[in-house]
Amino acid sequence: MLVNLVGAIAEKNGVSDHQIAKRLGLSMSQLNRALLVLASPEAEGGLALVEARQDDKRRTLWLTDKGHALINESMP
């Protein structure tokens, strides 16, 4: 699931959390648990691949530089 989530964010950087959850068939609870791993800093045991930005009531998801590097490495 984490790999699919990172890949989906890479396809549309800045996607809203609700859009990505719907697209991947995840509940918001599942998405939030995945984001704890993907967005938390490495010092806190996370992967630091995704950044969540809050815009009023809307949360958007973006790849970090580390996330972009991972995607670029995995592409042929």
C-alpha atoms as a PDB file:
ATOM      1  CA  MET A   1       0.000   0.000   0.000  1.00  0.00           C
ATOM      2  CA  LEU A   2       2.795   2.466   0.837  1.00  0.00           C
ATOM      3  CA  VAL A   3       4.433   1.994  -2.556  1.00  0.00           C
ATOM      4  CA  ASN A   4       1.096   2.559  -4.320  1.00  0.00           C
ATOM      5  CA  LEU A   5       0.486   5.686  -2.278  1.00  0.00           C
ATOM      6  CA  VAL A   6       3.888   7.191  -3.086  1.00  0.00           C
ATOM      7  CA  GLY A   7       3.413   6.345  -6.769  1.00  0.00           C
ATOM      8  CA  ALA A   8      -0.033   7.938  -6.851  1.00  0.00           C
ATOM      9  CA  ILE A   9       1.274  11.121  -5.239  1.00  0.00           C
ATOM     10  CA  ALA A  10       4.122  11.176  -7.768  1.00  0.00           C
ATOM     11  CA  GLU A  11       1.578  11.106 -10.597  1.00  0.00           C
ATOM     12  CA  LYS A  12      -0.214  14.178  -9.243  1.00  0.00           C
ATOM     13  CA  ASN A  13       1.871  16.115  -6.741  1.00  0.00           C
ATOM     14  CA  GLY A  14      -0.396  18.267  -4.595  1.00  0.00           C
ATOM     15  CA  VAL A  15      -3.343  15.868  -4.654  1.00  0.00           C
ATOM     16  CA  SER A  16      -5.851  16.194  -1.831  1.00  0.00           C
ATOM     17  CA  ASP A  17      -5.935  13.493   0.808  1.00  0.00           C
ATOM     18  CA  HIS A  18      -9.591  12.721   0.044  1.00  0.00           C
ATOM     19  CA  GLN A  19      -8.898  12.316  -3.689  1.00  0.00           C
ATOM     20  CA  ILE A  20      -5.996   9.945  -3.143  1.00  0.00           C
ATOM     21  CA  ALA A  21      -7.904   7.874  -0.573  1.00  0.00           C
ATOM     22  CA  LYS A  22     -10.821   7.485  -2.969  1.00  0.00           C
ATOM     23  CA  ARG A  23      -8.558   6.677  -5.904  1.00  0.00           C
ATOM     24  CA  LEU A  24      -6.727   3.955  -3.964  1.00  0.00           C
ATOM     25  CA  GLY A  25      -9.815   2.637  -2.186  1.00  0.00           C
ATOM     26  CA  LEU A  26      -8.519   3.559   1.277  1.00  0.00           C
ATOM     27  CA  SER A  27     -10.427   4.811   4.265  1.00  0.00           C
ATOM     28  CA  MET A  28      -9.195   8.091   5.721  1.00  0.00           C
ATOM     29  CA  SER A  29      -8.051   6.118   8.761  1.00  0.00           C
ATOM     30  CA  GLN A  30      -5.899   3.849   6.577  1.00  0.00           C
ATOM     31  CA  LEU A  31      -4.498   6.852   4.728  1.00  0.00           C
ATOM     32  CA  ASN A  32      -3.646   8.664   7.956  1.00  0.00           C
ATOM     33  CA  ARG A  33      -1.809   5.612   9.325  1.00  0.00           C
ATOM     34  CA  ALA A  34       0.178   5.303   6.088  1.00  0.00           C
ATOM     35  CA  LEU A  35       1.039   8.999   6.196  1.00  0.00           C
ATOM     36  CA  LEU A  36       2.416   8.595   9.719  1.00  0.00           C
ATOM     37  CA  VAL A  37       5.093   6.377   8.202  1.00  0.00           C
ATOM     38  CA  LEU A  38       5.594   8.252   4.933  1.00  0.00           C
ATOM     39  CA  ALA A  39       5.557  11.816   6.253  1.00  0.00           C
ATOM     40  CA  SER A  40       7.276  11.504   9.627  1.00  0.00           C
ATOM     41  CA  PRO A  41      10.923  12.537   9.821  1.00  0.00           C
ATOM     42  CA  GLU A  42      13.527   9.793   9.807  1.00  0.00           C
ATOM     43  CA  ALA A  43      14.571  10.807  13.325  1.00  0.00           C
ATOM     44  CA  GLU A  44      11.091   9.755  14.452  1.00  0.00           C
ATOM     45  CA  GLY A  45      11.189   6.435  12.596  1.00  0.00           C
ATOM     46  CA  GLY A  46       9.440   7.681   9.463  1.00  0.00           C
ATOM     47  CA  LEU A  47      10.513   7.646   5.838  1.00  0.00           C
ATOM     48  CA  ALA A  48      10.199  11.397   5.090  1.00  0.00           C
ATOM     49  CA  LEU A  49       8.982  10.722   1.533  1.00  0.00           C
ATOM     50  CA  VAL A  50       5.765  12.743   1.658  1.00  0.00           C
ATOM     51  CA  GLU A  51       4.840  16.176   2.972  1.00  0.00           C
ATOM     52  CA  ALA A  52       1.273  16.980   3.988  1.00  0.00           C
ATOM     53  CA  ARG A  53       0.307  20.661   3.652  1.00  0.00           C
ATOM     54  CA  GLN A  54      -2.787  22.144   5.231  1.00  0.00           C
ATOM     55  CA  ASP A  55      -4.678  24.776   3.213  1.00  0.00           C
ATOM     56  CA  ASP A  56      -7.672  25.939   5.256  1.00  0.00           C
ATOM     57  CA  LYS A  57      -9.715  22.718   5.514  1.00  0.00           C
ATOM     58  CA  ARG A  58      -7.949  20.948   2.637  1.00  0.00           C
ATOM     59  CA  ARG A  59      -4.851  18.787   3.122  1.00  0.00           C
ATOM     60  CA  THR A  60      -2.671  18.199   0.072  1.00  0.00           C
ATOM     61  CA  LEU A  61       0.083  15.635  -0.314  1.00  0.00           C
ATOM     62  CA  TRP A  62       3.435  16.317  -1.942  1.00  0.00           C
ATOM     63  CA  LEU A  63       6.584  14.287  -2.455  1.00  0.00           C
ATOM     64  CA  THR A  64       9.666  15.530  -0.652  1.00  0.00           C
ATOM     65  CA  ASP A  65      13.026  15.741  -2.424  1.00  0.00           C
ATOM     66  CA  LYS A  66      13.777  12.309  -0.978  1.00  0.00           C
ATOM     67  CA  GLY A  67      10.473  11.008  -2.371  1.00  0.00           C
ATOM     68  CA  HIS A  68      11.253  12.377  -5.834  1.00  0.00           C
ATOM     69  CA  ALA A  69      14.731  10.818  -5.714  1.00  0.00           C
ATOM     70  CA  LEU A  70      13.239   7.438  -4.829  1.00  0.00           C
ATOM     71  CA  ILE A  71      10.768   7.620  -7.709  1.00  0.00           C
ATOM     72  CA  ASN A  72      13.491   8.683 -10.161  1.00  0.00           C
ATOM     73  CA  GLU A  73      15.738   5.804  -9.040  1.00  0.00           C
ATOM     74  CA  SER A  74      12.982   3.253  -9.561  1.00  0.00           C
ATOM     75  CA  MET A  75      12.145   4.379 -13.093  1.00  0.00           C
ATOM     76  CA  PRO A  76      14.084   2.744 -15.939  1.00  0.00           C
END
